[in-house]
Amino acid sequence: MGYCKICGEYDCKKHTVLLGKTKEITEFSGSSPPEIFVGRWNYPNVYTGILSPTEYGNTEIMSSAEEWYARKLQIPQILDLRKQLIYGRTQNNVKRAVTDKKFLPVMQEIAMASKSVATEFKLKKAIMVNKEQDSRIPLISRAASIEKVRLTENTKVKPKVDYLVNDVDVKSNEAILELEKAGIQTSFMIKLLSAGLLGLKKNRKLVPTRWAITATDDTLSKQKLEQIRTFETISEIELFSSEYLGNHYEFLLLPSMWEFEVLEISMKNFGVWADYESFFPRKKYADSVTGAYYANRLAVCEYLMRVKKQAACIVFREIRPEYYAPLGVGILRETSRAAFIQQAKKFDTLKDVLEDIQKRLRMNLNHFKDKSIILKNYGKQTRLKDFF
């Protein structure tokens, strides 16, 4: 151990992301996965940039939550991938940035790219790089101010993406729905929205990535809910389960009009987060569960659209100690979707389904039940079919 070169403290824990032998770089090149990131600190004057490793090839797996889940990568493997990326960034006003002719066009081309794209960076100040980093690194760690950036190969853009980016008379929510119909991944839509590439010309601006994630999940599920609320209710209690990297999910669907509730409890510190919406459209942001709420809701809505039914849904999320390094909303969206690929378990009584859920939880289910609005009211409200 020794004194930190960044803050001067002895045995500093905050800045131990670089270990072993290091080297300084002021220029580098590699294939962006492709990935961009727009921060929200100091909004509307935010940091915005491109992430890239110092190597060429297909680097998509470095930023794709869909790929992480598909390959069932573990946390150390994901962190090993993430630590290879350098976040070349600049600071811009979200509205004025769209007129930037130097950096933004490159970032937007990368946001549109369907494959990894070769990019060269020149930095304003040298940064230290190393292949070894510890478990404290965030998903986006090594930030460096860009002096110059350029693409060294042509980007591959899907026709539907190219069409909607160039159509400045289509609202962003309509564009997102069109992209979904074309089979574009949710994570890709988020990049386009974040880079200011969707919506009416007068409204286009950079959107902090975290906000773009929620906006995309929210837009997709809201559109589905307009139809879901008109469907008949499911006839039996249904249960779906999934788990990934210490995130254990139980999705309980009850024969009732649409309601939705997410209950999260951390086993590490017994933190509890809960948000709820009734049959009527939600108006306020889910500020307890935050982004995961909308990712969970999207997965449920995708399932209900497939079966053409509506239901009241309670999401139980048990956050286990194994989830020691948060990896973003993307893996929670994919874990939620995976639950509905399985065949539903069906039950006659609420008692039976709750007993089944308890078998897979490490915590006592009462910790969740005590917080549930839907369970408290279930059976007391008039159901849609009771009117007919």
Foldseek 3Di string as FASTA:
>chain_A
DAADPPPRDGPDPVPQFDDDDKDKDQKAKEWPCWDKFWADPPPQWTKIFTKGARYYDNLVLLPALLVCVVVQPAPVVNVLSLLRIATAIDIDRFVCVVVDPFGLVQLLQSLQFPTTFMKMFGFPDIDMHDSDGDLVAASHHHYTYTPHMDTPDHGDGDPLSVVQLPPQADALLVSLVVCVVVVHDLLSSLSCQQSQRHGHPVPGTHDGSLVSLQVSLQSLLVVLLVQQQVFAADDFWWWFWFDGQQKTKIKTWARFGEKEKEWEAEPVPRDIFIDIDDNDDDDDARVRVGSLRSLLSSLVSVLCSVVRHHTYIYMYIYRYVSNVHDDDSSNSSVRNNVRSVDDIDTDHDPVVVQVVVCVPDPDDCVSVVVVDPCNVCPPVDDGPVVVD
